């Protein structure tokens, strides 16, 4: 999930635009209860994963939504900004490097039961310019691709990130209550996946 500033689930953000679709989705705990044709996220954001020599550059987020969790650098799009430009800017701001060879690797739609929602575009970078450094927002950590610490990340990451890192473009929908995932659906190469029914 994207690393945005502000408090959990977007509280205390005066610019949230709670339109009819947002109000309708508030309190929802199942994907099937949402009219996805009219659903619009409160925020749009990016996540970027820089690859080098069998490793991926992750961060431990210091503040904002997801503080304390491990993820890729990222954040909200500014008005009029394209997702790929946001991806570059956020990596520069959080790690002091400029990602190179950015490739689109899917999208994830997140609805929180309190009404907040976010649409996240994922990117992978094949290289970078500059020197990785810690900032006020993030602590960098190079991690082997086969040792990604999913237990310290948002629950959805273990579902879609391995596919994105392998070159696919997964499309996901998720419902969260705080940092707990209640429901999910993932589409990869035309195949849909979801939680196994009980029993």
C-alpha atoms as a PDB file:
ATOM      1  CA  UNK A   1       0.000   0.000   0.000  1.00  0.00           C
ATOM      2  CA  UNK A   2       1.193   3.520  -0.696  1.00  0.00           C
ATOM      3  CA  UNK A   3       2.936   5.516   1.996  1.00  0.00           C
ATOM      4  CA  UNK A   4       0.975   8.742   2.413  1.00  0.00           C
ATOM      5  CA  UNK A   5       1.374  11.502   4.925  1.00  0.00           C
ATOM      6  CA  UNK A   6      -1.417  12.171   7.379  1.00  0.00           C
ATOM      7  CA  UNK A   7      -2.919   9.998  10.054  1.00  0.00           C
ATOM      8  CA  UNK A   8      -4.317   6.506   9.687  1.00  0.00           C
ATOM      9  CA  UNK A   9      -6.987   6.171   7.027  1.00  0.00           C
ATOM     10  CA  UNK A  10      -6.785   9.850   6.128  1.00  0.00           C
ATOM     11  CA  UNK A  11      -8.232  11.402   9.276  1.00  0.00           C
ATOM     12  CA  UNK A  12      -7.726  15.134   9.797  1.00  0.00           C
ATOM     13  CA  UNK A  13      -7.193  15.825   6.086  1.00  0.00           C
ATOM     14  CA  UNK A  14      -9.375  18.823   5.185  1.00  0.00           C
ATOM     15  CA  UNK A  15      -9.094  18.201   1.448  1.00  0.00           C
ATOM     16  CA  UNK A  16     -10.775  14.781   1.433  1.00  0.00           C
ATOM     17  CA  UNK A  17     -13.585  14.802  -1.112  1.00  0.00           C
ATOM     18  CA  UNK A  18     -16.310  12.594   0.288  1.00  0.00           C
ATOM     19  CA  UNK A  19     -18.542  12.310  -2.767  1.00  0.00           C
ATOM     20  CA  UNK A  20     -21.504   9.929  -3.024  1.00  0.00           C
ATOM     21  CA  UNK A  21     -19.365   6.931  -3.975  1.00  0.00           C
ATOM     22  CA  UNK A  22     -17.061   7.466  -1.000  1.00  0.00           C
ATOM     23  CA  UNK A  23     -19.970   7.801   1.410  1.00  0.00           C
ATOM     24  CA  UNK A  24     -21.554   4.667  -0.035  1.00  0.00           C
ATOM     25  CA  UNK A  25     -18.363   2.624   0.436  1.00  0.00           C
ATOM     26  CA  UNK A  26     -17.804   3.743   4.047  1.00  0.00           C
ATOM     27  CA  UNK A  27     -18.462   0.904   6.463  1.00  0.00           C
ATOM     28  CA  UNK A  28     -18.277  -1.727   3.723  1.00  0.00           C
ATOM     29  CA  UNK A  29     -16.517  -4.946   4.642  1.00  0.00           C
ATOM     30  CA  UNK A  30     -16.960  -6.922   1.395  1.00  0.00           C
ATOM     31  CA  UNK A  31     -15.806  -6.062  -2.127  1.00  0.00           C
ATOM     32  CA  UNK A  32     -19.111  -7.246  -3.550  1.00  0.00           C
ATOM     33  CA  UNK A  33     -20.947  -4.488  -1.656  1.00  0.00           C
ATOM     34  CA  UNK A  34     -19.165  -1.728  -3.593  1.00  0.00           C
ATOM     35  CA  UNK A  35     -20.281  -0.369  -6.961  1.00  0.00           C
ATOM     36  CA  UNK A  36     -16.815  -0.309  -8.522  1.00  0.00           C
ATOM     37  CA  UNK A  37     -18.123   1.371 -11.686  1.00  0.00           C
ATOM     38  CA  UNK A  38     -18.738   4.577  -9.690  1.00  0.00           C
ATOM     39  CA  UNK A  39     -15.998   4.119  -7.068  1.00  0.00           C
ATOM     40  CA  UNK A  40     -13.406   6.903  -7.034  1.00  0.00           C
ATOM     41  CA  UNK A  41     -10.478   7.057  -4.661  1.00  0.00           C
ATOM     42  CA  UNK A  42      -9.991   9.974  -2.307  1.00  0.00           C
ATOM     43  CA  UNK A  43      -6.269   9.881  -3.157  1.00  0.00           C
ATOM     44  CA  UNK A  44      -4.130   8.523  -5.992  1.00  0.00           C
ATOM     45  CA  UNK A  45      -0.583   7.450  -5.180  1.00  0.00           C
ATOM     46  CA  UNK A  46       2.419   5.446  -6.339  1.00  0.00           C
ATOM     47  CA  UNK A  47       4.778   2.793  -5.021  1.00  0.00           C
ATOM     48  CA  UNK A  48       8.172   2.137  -6.617  1.00  0.00           C
ATOM     49  CA  UNK A  49      10.509  -0.810  -6.204  1.00  0.00           C
ATOM     50  CA  UNK A  50      14.121  -0.333  -7.346  1.00  0.00           C
ATOM     51  CA  UNK A  51      15.890  -3.566  -8.336  1.00  0.00           C
ATOM     52  CA  UNK A  52      19.632  -4.240  -8.324  1.00  0.00           C
ATOM     53  CA  UNK A  53      21.656  -7.487  -8.322  1.00  0.00           C
ATOM     54  CA  UNK A  54      18.879  -9.734  -7.032  1.00  0.00           C
ATOM     55  CA  UNK A  55      17.771  -7.244  -4.405  1.00  0.00           C
ATOM     56  CA  UNK A  56      14.932  -4.761  -4.020  1.00  0.00           C
ATOM     57  CA  UNK A  57      15.197  -1.384  -2.313  1.00  0.00           C
ATOM     58  CA  UNK A  58      12.550  -1.121   0.399  1.00  0.00           C
ATOM     59  CA  UNK A  59      11.966   1.455   3.105  1.00  0.00           C
ATOM     60  CA  UNK A  60      10.794   1.516   6.681  1.00  0.00           C
ATOM     61  CA  UNK A  61       8.294   4.360   6.745  1.00  0.00           C
ATOM     62  CA  UNK A  62       8.906   6.870   9.548  1.00  0.00           C
ATOM     63  CA  UNK A  63       5.645   8.817   9.406  1.00  0.00           C
ATOM     64  CA  UNK A  64       2.206   9.005   7.810  1.00  0.00           C
ATOM     65  CA  UNK A  65      -0.048   6.176   6.690  1.00  0.00           C
ATOM     66  CA  UNK A  66       1.894   2.962   7.273  1.00  0.00           C
ATOM     67  CA  UNK A  67       4.444   4.464   9.684  1.00  0.00           C
ATOM     68  CA  UNK A  68       6.682   1.672  10.994  1.00  0.00           C
ATOM     69  CA  UNK A  69       5.843  -0.677   8.139  1.00  0.00           C
ATOM     70  CA  UNK A  70       8.181  -1.825   5.369  1.00  0.00           C
ATOM     71  CA  UNK A  71       7.254  -1.037   1.756  1.00  0.00           C
ATOM     72  CA  UNK A  72       8.533   0.648  -1.366  1.00  0.00           C
ATOM     73  CA  UNK A  73       8.935   4.423  -1.464  1.00  0.00           C
ATOM     74  CA  UNK A  74       5.835   6.249  -2.615  1.00  0.00           C
ATOM     75  CA  UNK A  75       3.135   8.764  -1.914  1.00  0.00           C
ATOM     76  CA  UNK A  76       0.238  10.817  -3.240  1.00  0.00           C
ATOM     77  CA  UNK A  77       0.031  12.380  -6.674  1.00  0.00           C
ATOM     78  CA  UNK A  78       0.002  16.152  -6.763  1.00  0.00           C
ATOM     79  CA  UNK A  79      -2.764  17.880  -8.793  1.00  0.00           C
ATOM     80  CA  UNK A  80      -2.149  17.356 -12.524  1.00  0.00           C
ATOM     81  CA  UNK A  81       0.805  15.026 -11.924  1.00  0.00           C
ATOM     82  CA  UNK A  82       1.175  11.798 -13.925  1.00  0.00           C
ATOM     83  CA  UNK A  83       1.740   8.589 -11.951  1.00  0.00           C
ATOM     84  CA  UNK A  84       5.188   7.958 -13.443  1.00  0.00           C
ATOM     85  CA  UNK A  85       6.292  11.505 -12.535  1.00  0.00           C
ATOM     86  CA  UNK A  86       4.976  11.026  -9.006  1.00  0.00           C
ATOM     87  CA  UNK A  87       6.921   7.767  -8.733  1.00  0.00           C
ATOM     88  CA  UNK A  88      10.153   9.551  -9.662  1.00  0.00           C
ATOM     89  CA  UNK A  89       9.504  12.489  -7.323  1.00  0.00           C
ATOM     90  CA  UNK A  90       8.614  10.317  -4.327  1.00  0.00           C
ATOM     91  CA  UNK A  91      11.748   8.161  -4.667  1.00  0.00           C
ATOM     92  CA  UNK A  92      13.871  11.305  -4.936  1.00  0.00           C
ATOM     93  CA  UNK A  93      12.220  12.828  -1.848  1.00  0.00           C
ATOM     94  CA  UNK A  94      12.315   9.689   0.303  1.00  0.00           C
ATOM     95  CA  UNK A  95      15.684   8.193  -0.702  1.00  0.00           C
ATOM     96  CA  UNK A  96      17.677  10.906  -2.491  1.00  0.00           C
ATOM     97  CA  UNK A  97      18.023   8.908  -5.723  1.00  0.00           C
ATOM     98  CA  UNK A  98      16.443   9.151  -9.170  1.00  0.00           C
ATOM     99  CA  UNK A  99      14.913   5.871 -10.396  1.00  0.00           C
ATOM    100  CA  UNK A 100      15.780   4.871 -13.969  1.00  0.00           C
ATOM    101  CA  UNK A 101      13.993   2.556 -16.402  1.00  0.00           C
ATOM    102  CA  UNK A 102      10.639   2.822 -14.634  1.00  0.00           C
ATOM    103  CA  UNK A 103       8.078   0.239 -15.742  1.00  0.00           C
ATOM    104  CA  UNK A 104       4.392   0.130 -14.842  1.00  0.00           C
ATOM    105  CA  UNK A 105       3.582  -2.966 -12.763  1.00  0.00           C
ATOM    106  CA  UNK A 106      -0.104  -2.802 -11.946  1.00  0.00           C
ATOM    107  CA  UNK A 107      -2.659  -0.987  -9.814  1.00  0.00           C
ATOM    108  CA  UNK A 108      -4.300  -1.574  -6.452  1.00  0.00           C
ATOM    109  CA  UNK A 109      -7.553  -0.041  -5.186  1.00  0.00           C
ATOM    110  CA  UNK A 110      -7.965   0.247  -1.410  1.00  0.00           C
ATOM    111  CA  UNK A 111     -11.184   1.015   0.445  1.00  0.00           C
ATOM    112  CA  UNK A 112     -11.081   1.587   4.201  1.00  0.00           C
ATOM    113  CA  UNK A 113     -14.169   1.004   6.322  1.00  0.00           C
ATOM    114  CA  UNK A 114     -13.937   4.563   7.686  1.00  0.00           C
ATOM    115  CA  UNK A 115     -14.494   5.938   4.165  1.00  0.00           C
ATOM    116  CA  UNK A 116     -10.926   6.733   3.129  1.00  0.00           C
ATOM    117  CA  UNK A 117      -9.769   5.220  -0.175  1.00  0.00           C
ATOM    118  CA  UNK A 118      -6.635   5.218  -2.281  1.00  0.00           C
ATOM    119  CA  UNK A 119      -5.731   4.126  -5.834  1.00  0.00           C
ATOM    120  CA  UNK A 120      -2.086   3.017  -6.044  1.00  0.00           C
ATOM    121  CA  UNK A 121       0.007   2.666  -9.216  1.00  0.00           C
ATOM    122  CA  UNK A 122       3.008   0.331  -8.890  1.00  0.00           C
ATOM    123  CA  UNK A 123       6.323   0.757 -10.703  1.00  0.00           C
ATOM    124  CA  UNK A 124       9.616  -1.108 -10.853  1.00  0.00           C
ATOM    125  CA  UNK A 125      12.916   0.630 -11.655  1.00  0.00           C
ATOM    126  CA  UNK A 126      15.825  -1.275 -13.210  1.00  0.00           C
ATOM    127  CA  UNK A 127      18.472   1.162 -11.959  1.00  0.00           C
ATOM    128  CA  UNK A 128      18.965   4.533 -10.296  1.00  0.00           C
ATOM    129  CA  UNK A 129      21.228   7.576 -10.162  1.00  0.00           C
ATOM    130  CA  UNK A 130      22.633   9.036  -6.979  1.00  0.00           C
ATOM    131  CA  UNK A 131      23.428   7.692  -3.537  1.00  0.00           C
ATOM    132  CA  UNK A 132      20.742   6.072  -1.400  1.00  0.00           C
ATOM    133  CA  UNK A 133      20.318   7.927   1.877  1.00  0.00           C
ATOM    134  CA  UNK A 134      18.031   7.978   4.881  1.00  0.00           C
ATOM    135  CA  UNK A 135      15.601  10.901   5.107  1.00  0.00           C
ATOM    136  CA  UNK A 136      13.072  12.232   7.588  1.00  0.00           C
ATOM    137  CA  UNK A 137      10.460  10.094   5.840  1.00  0.00           C
ATOM    138  CA  UNK A 138      12.169   6.750   5.346  1.00  0.00           C
ATOM    139  CA  UNK A 139      14.986   4.397   6.293  1.00  0.00           C
ATOM    140  CA  UNK A 140      16.271   2.506   3.213  1.00  0.00           C
ATOM    141  CA  UNK A 141      16.897  -1.236   3.281  1.00  0.00           C
ATOM    142  CA  UNK A 142      18.206  -3.426   0.467  1.00  0.00           C
ATOM    143  CA  UNK A 143      16.559  -6.849   0.686  1.00  0.00           C
ATOM    144  CA  UNK A 144      17.121 -10.083  -1.229  1.00  0.00           C
ATOM    145  CA  UNK A 145      14.172 -10.796  -3.507  1.00  0.00           C
ATOM    146  CA  UNK A 146      13.667 -14.156  -1.784  1.00  0.00           C
ATOM    147  CA  UNK A 147      13.727 -12.592   1.707  1.00  0.00           C
ATOM    148  CA  UNK A 148      11.182  -9.754   1.467  1.00  0.00           C
ATOM    149  CA  UNK A 149       9.815  -9.219   5.020  1.00  0.00           C
ATOM    150  CA  UNK A 150       6.116  -9.545   4.224  1.00  0.00           C
ATOM    151  CA  UNK A 151       5.329  -9.951   7.928  1.00  0.00           C
ATOM    152  CA  UNK A 152       6.335  -6.299   8.419  1.00  0.00           C
ATOM    153  CA  UNK A 153       4.369  -4.994   5.433  1.00  0.00           C
ATOM    154  CA  UNK A 154       0.728  -4.297   4.591  1.00  0.00           C
ATOM    155  CA  UNK A 155      -1.193  -7.580   4.280  1.00  0.00           C
ATOM    156  CA  UNK A 156      -1.937  -7.075   0.580  1.00  0.00           C
ATOM    157  CA  UNK A 157       1.733  -6.827  -0.412  1.00  0.00           C
ATOM    158  CA  UNK A 158       2.338 -10.583  -0.173  1.00  0.00           C
ATOM    159  CA  UNK A 159      -0.493 -11.123  -2.678  1.00  0.00           C
ATOM    160  CA  UNK A 160       0.477  -8.813  -5.536  1.00  0.00           C
ATOM    161  CA  UNK A 161       4.107  -7.731  -5.069  1.00  0.00           C
ATOM    162  CA  UNK A 162       5.773 -11.050  -6.048  1.00  0.00           C
ATOM    163  CA  UNK A 163       3.885 -10.924  -9.361  1.00  0.00           C
ATOM    164  CA  UNK A 164       4.802  -7.271  -9.984  1.00  0.00           C
ATOM    165  CA  UNK A 165       8.469  -7.969  -9.264  1.00  0.00           C
ATOM    166  CA  UNK A 166       8.409 -10.894 -11.722  1.00  0.00           C
ATOM    167  CA  UNK A 167       7.230  -8.624 -14.562  1.00  0.00           C
ATOM    168  CA  UNK A 168       3.439  -8.981 -14.397  1.00  0.00           C
ATOM    169  CA  UNK A 169       0.886  -6.195 -13.880  1.00  0.00           C
ATOM    170  CA  UNK A 170      -1.535  -7.376 -11.169  1.00  0.00           C
ATOM    171  CA  UNK A 171      -4.772  -5.467 -10.613  1.00  0.00           C
ATOM    172  CA  UNK A 172      -6.055  -5.652  -7.027  1.00  0.00           C
ATOM    173  CA  UNK A 173      -9.007  -4.516  -4.929  1.00  0.00           C
ATOM    174  CA  UNK A 174      -8.906  -4.577  -1.147  1.00  0.00           C
ATOM    175  CA  UNK A 175     -10.934  -3.585   1.879  1.00  0.00           C
ATOM    176  CA  UNK A 176      -9.098  -2.617   5.065  1.00  0.00           C
ATOM    177  CA  UNK A 177     -10.164  -1.824   8.606  1.00  0.00           C
ATOM    178  CA  UNK A 178      -7.155   0.158   9.834  1.00  0.00           C
ATOM    179  CA  UNK A 179      -4.226  -2.055   8.848  1.00  0.00           C
ATOM    180  CA  UNK A 180      -6.270  -5.281   8.840  1.00  0.00           C
ATOM    181  CA  UNK A 181      -7.362  -6.628   5.432  1.00  0.00           C
ATOM    182  CA  UNK A 182     -11.006  -7.771   5.367  1.00  0.00           C
ATOM    183  CA  UNK A 183     -11.480  -8.771   1.721  1.00  0.00           C
ATOM    184  CA  UNK A 184      -9.485  -8.871  -1.499  1.00  0.00           C
ATOM    185  CA  UNK A 185      -9.517  -9.756  -5.192  1.00  0.00           C
ATOM    186  CA  UNK A 186      -6.527  -9.953  -7.514  1.00  0.00           C
ATOM    187  CA  UNK A 187      -6.486 -10.242 -11.292  1.00  0.00           C
ATOM    188  CA  UNK A 188      -3.318 -11.493 -12.992  1.00  0.00           C
ATOM    189  CA  UNK A 189      -3.179 -12.165 -16.734  1.00  0.00           C
ATOM    190  CA  UNK A 190      -6.957 -12.468 -16.940  1.00  0.00           C
ATOM    191  CA  UNK A 191      -7.242 -14.870 -13.986  1.00  0.00           C
ATOM    192  CA  UNK A 192      -9.061 -13.734 -10.834  1.00  0.00           C
ATOM    193  CA  UNK A 193      -8.052 -14.806  -7.341  1.00  0.00           C
ATOM    194  CA  UNK A 194      -9.597 -14.144  -3.950  1.00  0.00           C
ATOM    195  CA  UNK A 195      -9.754 -15.507  -0.422  1.00  0.00           C
ATOM    196  CA  UNK A 196     -10.620 -19.175  -0.126  1.00  0.00           C
ATOM    197  CA  UNK A 197     -14.168 -19.761   1.113  1.00  0.00           C
ATOM    198  CA  UNK A 198     -14.344 -21.233   4.629  1.00  0.00           C
ATOM    199  CA  UNK A 199     -14.720 -25.000   5.031  1.00  0.00           C
END
